[in-house]
Protein backbone atom coordinates (compact mmCIF):
# COMPACT_ATOMS: atom_id res chain seq x y z
CA MET A 1 44.86 30.29 22.96
CA THR A 2 41.07 30.26 22.88
CA LYS A 3 40.94 33.73 21.30
CA ARG A 4 43.28 32.49 18.60
CA LEU A 5 41.09 29.42 18.08
CA ILE A 6 37.97 31.56 17.75
CA ASN A 7 39.60 33.68 15.07
CA TRP A 8 40.78 30.56 13.25
CA VAL A 9 37.35 28.94 13.38
CA VAL A 10 35.57 32.05 12.13
CA GLY A 11 38.00 32.04 9.25
CA GLY A 12 37.89 28.28 8.81
CA LEU A 13 34.12 28.02 8.79
CA ILE A 14 33.28 31.24 7.03
CA LEU A 15 36.14 32.73 5.11
CA PRO A 16 36.94 30.02 2.55
CA LEU A 17 33.28 29.17 2.08
CA THR A 18 32.86 32.47 0.36
CA VAL A 19 34.86 31.20 -2.58
CA VAL A 20 32.03 28.81 -3.37
CA ILE A 21 29.49 31.59 -3.06
CA SER A 22 31.41 34.15 -5.05
CA LEU A 23 32.07 31.70 -7.89
CA SER A 24 28.56 30.32 -8.24
CA LEU A 25 26.20 32.27 -6.03
CA GLU A 26 23.32 32.48 -8.48
CA GLY A 27 23.18 28.76 -9.07
CA TYR A 28 23.83 27.59 -5.52
CA ALA A 29 21.02 25.50 -4.04
CA TRP A 30 20.71 26.29 -0.36
CA ALA A 31 20.48 23.16 1.78
CA SER A 32 17.29 22.53 3.73
CA SER A 33 18.85 22.20 7.19
CA PRO A 34 21.55 24.28 8.91
CA THR A 35 23.89 21.29 9.16
CA GLU A 36 23.44 20.40 5.51
CA GLN A 37 24.14 24.00 4.56
CA LEU A 38 27.31 24.16 6.65
CA ARG A 39 28.44 20.78 5.35
CA ALA A 40 27.86 21.81 1.73
CA TYR A 41 29.97 24.88 2.40
CA THR A 42 32.77 23.18 4.28
CA ASP A 43 33.19 20.38 1.76
CA GLN A 44 34.12 23.07 -0.73
CA VAL A 45 36.11 25.00 1.87
CA MET A 46 38.63 22.23 2.27
CA LYS A 47 39.05 21.93 -1.48
CA THR A 48 39.52 25.69 -1.70
CA LEU A 49 42.12 25.82 1.06
CA GLU A 50 44.05 23.02 -0.57
CA ASN A 51 43.82 24.56 -4.06
CA PRO A 52 47.35 25.69 -5.03
CA THR A 53 46.04 27.80 -7.92
CA LEU A 54 44.12 30.19 -5.65
CA THR A 55 46.09 33.38 -5.08
CA ALA A 56 46.26 35.28 -1.81
CA ALA A 57 44.43 38.17 -3.45
CA ALA A 58 41.62 35.85 -4.53
CA ARG A 59 41.29 34.54 -0.99
CA LEU A 60 41.04 38.04 0.46
CA GLU A 61 38.46 39.12 -2.07
CA ALA A 62 36.46 35.96 -1.37
CA VAL A 63 36.38 36.78 2.35
CA ARG A 64 34.98 40.24 1.70
CA THR A 65 32.31 38.83 -0.56
CA LEU A 66 31.21 36.35 2.10
CA ALA A 67 30.49 38.85 4.86
CA ASP A 68 26.95 39.57 3.68
CA GLN A 69 26.26 36.08 2.33
CA ALA A 70 26.84 33.59 5.15
CA PHE A 71 27.22 35.69 8.30
CA ASP A 72 24.54 37.91 9.86
CA VAL A 73 26.93 40.69 10.79
CA THR A 74 24.19 43.06 11.92
CA GLU A 75 22.82 40.51 14.39
CA THR A 76 26.31 39.72 15.65
CA ALA A 77 27.19 43.40 16.06
CA LYS A 78 23.92 44.09 17.91
CA ARG A 79 24.51 41.24 20.35
CA ALA A 80 28.18 42.13 20.80
CA LEU A 81 27.27 45.71 21.74
CA GLY A 82 24.67 44.35 24.17
CA LEU A 83 22.75 46.86 26.27
CA HIS A 84 24.66 49.71 24.61
CA TRP A 85 22.89 49.02 21.29
CA GLN A 86 19.49 50.36 22.34
CA PRO A 87 20.55 53.99 23.00
CA ARG A 88 22.29 54.27 19.63
CA THR A 89 20.73 56.21 16.79
CA SER A 90 20.08 54.59 13.43
CA ALA A 91 23.17 56.29 12.00
CA GLU A 92 25.32 55.17 14.93
CA ARG A 93 24.10 51.58 14.54
CA GLY A 94 24.90 51.58 10.84
CA GLU A 95 28.39 52.92 11.53
CA PHE A 96 28.98 50.38 14.30
CA VAL A 97 27.91 47.44 12.13
CA GLN A 98 30.39 48.49 9.45
CA LEU A 99 33.20 48.94 11.99
CA PHE A 100 32.40 45.56 13.51
CA ARG A 101 32.39 43.94 10.06
CA ASP A 102 35.86 45.39 9.49
CA LEU A 103 37.01 44.08 12.88
CA LEU A 104 35.80 40.56 12.14
CA GLU A 105 37.37 40.65 8.72
CA ARG A 106 40.76 41.66 10.10
CA GLY A 107 40.50 38.83 12.64
CA TYR A 108 39.95 36.03 10.18
CA LEU A 109 42.13 37.52 7.47
CA SER A 110 45.02 37.35 9.91
CA ARG A 111 44.40 33.59 10.23
CA ILE A 112 44.05 32.78 6.56
CA GLY A 113 47.41 31.05 6.34
CA GLU A 114 46.93 28.84 9.38
CA TYR A 115 44.92 26.06 7.77
CA GLY A 116 46.81 22.82 8.29
CA GLY A 117 44.60 20.07 6.97
CA GLU A 118 41.96 20.21 9.69
CA GLN A 119 38.65 18.46 9.08
CA ILE A 120 35.17 19.19 10.43
CA LYS A 121 33.00 16.45 11.89
CA TYR A 122 29.35 17.33 12.54
CA VAL A 123 27.96 15.77 15.70
CA GLY A 124 24.59 17.37 16.38
CA GLU A 125 21.89 19.84 15.43
CA GLN A 126 19.15 21.61 17.34
CA ILE A 127 16.44 23.70 15.66
CA ASP A 128 13.98 25.90 17.51
CA GLY A 129 11.85 27.88 15.06
CA ASP A 130 14.13 30.29 13.23
CA HIS A 131 17.08 29.57 15.52
CA ALA A 132 19.51 26.68 15.18
CA ILE A 133 22.63 25.29 16.78
CA VAL A 134 25.05 23.09 14.87
CA ARG A 135 27.68 21.26 16.90
CA ALA A 136 30.88 20.03 15.35
CA LEU A 137 34.43 18.96 16.09
CA ILE A 138 37.44 20.36 14.30
CA VAL A 139 39.89 17.47 13.99
CA THR A 140 43.54 18.37 13.49
CA LYS A 141 46.10 16.25 11.66
CA LYS A 142 47.38 15.14 15.07
CA GLY A 143 43.91 13.91 16.02
CA THR A 144 43.12 16.69 18.48
CA GLN A 145 39.40 17.49 18.58
CA VAL A 146 38.23 21.05 19.18
CA PRO A 147 34.49 21.45 19.96
CA VAL A 148 32.77 24.14 17.91
CA GLU A 149 29.18 25.34 18.10
CA SER A 150 27.68 27.49 15.35
CA ARG A 151 24.55 29.47 16.10
CA LEU A 152 22.36 30.43 13.18
CA LEU A 153 19.24 32.41 12.32
CA ARG A 154 16.95 31.57 9.42
CA LYS A 155 16.37 34.47 7.06
CA ALA A 156 14.00 33.57 4.22
CA ASP A 157 15.40 30.30 2.80
CA ARG A 158 18.88 30.61 4.27
CA TRP A 159 20.55 29.92 7.60
CA LEU A 160 22.97 32.69 8.60
CA ILE A 161 25.67 32.32 11.24
CA TYR A 162 25.58 34.96 13.98
CA ASP A 163 27.84 33.40 16.63
CA VAL A 164 30.54 30.76 16.92
CA LEU A 165 31.60 29.13 20.18
CA VAL A 166 34.98 27.46 20.41
CA GLU A 167 35.54 25.31 23.48
CA ASN A 168 32.40 26.97 24.92
CA VAL A 169 33.80 30.48 24.45
CA SER A 170 31.50 32.71 22.38
CA LEU A 171 32.74 35.09 19.71
CA ILE A 172 29.96 37.51 20.68
CA ALA A 173 30.66 37.25 24.41
CA SER A 174 34.37 37.85 23.86
CA TYR A 175 33.75 41.06 21.98
CA ARG A 176 30.88 42.15 24.26
CA SER A 177 33.13 42.11 27.32
CA GLN A 178 35.75 44.20 25.51
CA PHE A 179 33.21 46.71 24.19
CA ASP A 180 31.43 47.03 27.55
CA ARG A 181 34.71 47.64 29.36
CA VAL A 182 35.72 50.43 26.99
CA ILE A 183 32.30 52.12 27.11
CA ARG A 184 32.00 51.93 30.91
CA THR A 185 35.52 53.19 31.57
CA THR A 186 35.49 55.85 28.84
CA SER A 187 32.57 56.31 26.41
CA TYR A 188 30.84 54.89 23.34
CA GLU A 189 32.55 57.57 21.27
CA GLU A 190 35.92 56.29 22.49
CA LEU A 191 35.01 52.75 21.46
CA VAL A 192 34.20 54.00 17.96
CA ARG A 193 37.48 55.90 17.85
CA ARG A 194 39.42 52.76 18.84
CA LEU A 195 37.59 50.61 16.29
CA LYS A 196 38.42 53.15 13.62
CA SER A 197 42.07 52.98 14.67
CA HIS A 198 41.92 49.13 14.55
CA GLY A 199 41.88 48.25 18.22
CA THR A 200 39.71 48.00 21.35
CA SER A 201 42.25 47.48 24.10
């Protein structure tokens, strides 16, 4: 259930936000704090998800546009690979980042139709230099509250998400354990092969 929630949250926080970016990226004024930035995004997210004129194709294209705009995929991939990142060559790292981007995309694309009127309530923020944590609650129509923690890095004038924790379970940690298991029981090359064939199990 938690794995499903993580995939939904990644999609819910990131995927629809890209519609805002892709429609008006050049004129978008980045908010000064990580919470303000996420709130500015998510206010538009809800409108986008509830917009009956937006086609499925438009949603998918919006997701792909977002990958390099709101999410630091390279940082996430590096942390997900953990200690196995250091031995990799520059070419291997580039390939892995792209494969990981594809993996994330498949995860939240598969959840695109699961939005059911949930709302996001921001409850706290912690900033330490170029790192930030934004805590929130996803509130369902039934009133259930799911705790979510977004971790961000500041790059220039923007805050980029690199990890999302749902009910204290980290997106990065979930993938790291899978990747480590495959590499230790087989090899890094086998992990790459499985990612290319759309699976890690």
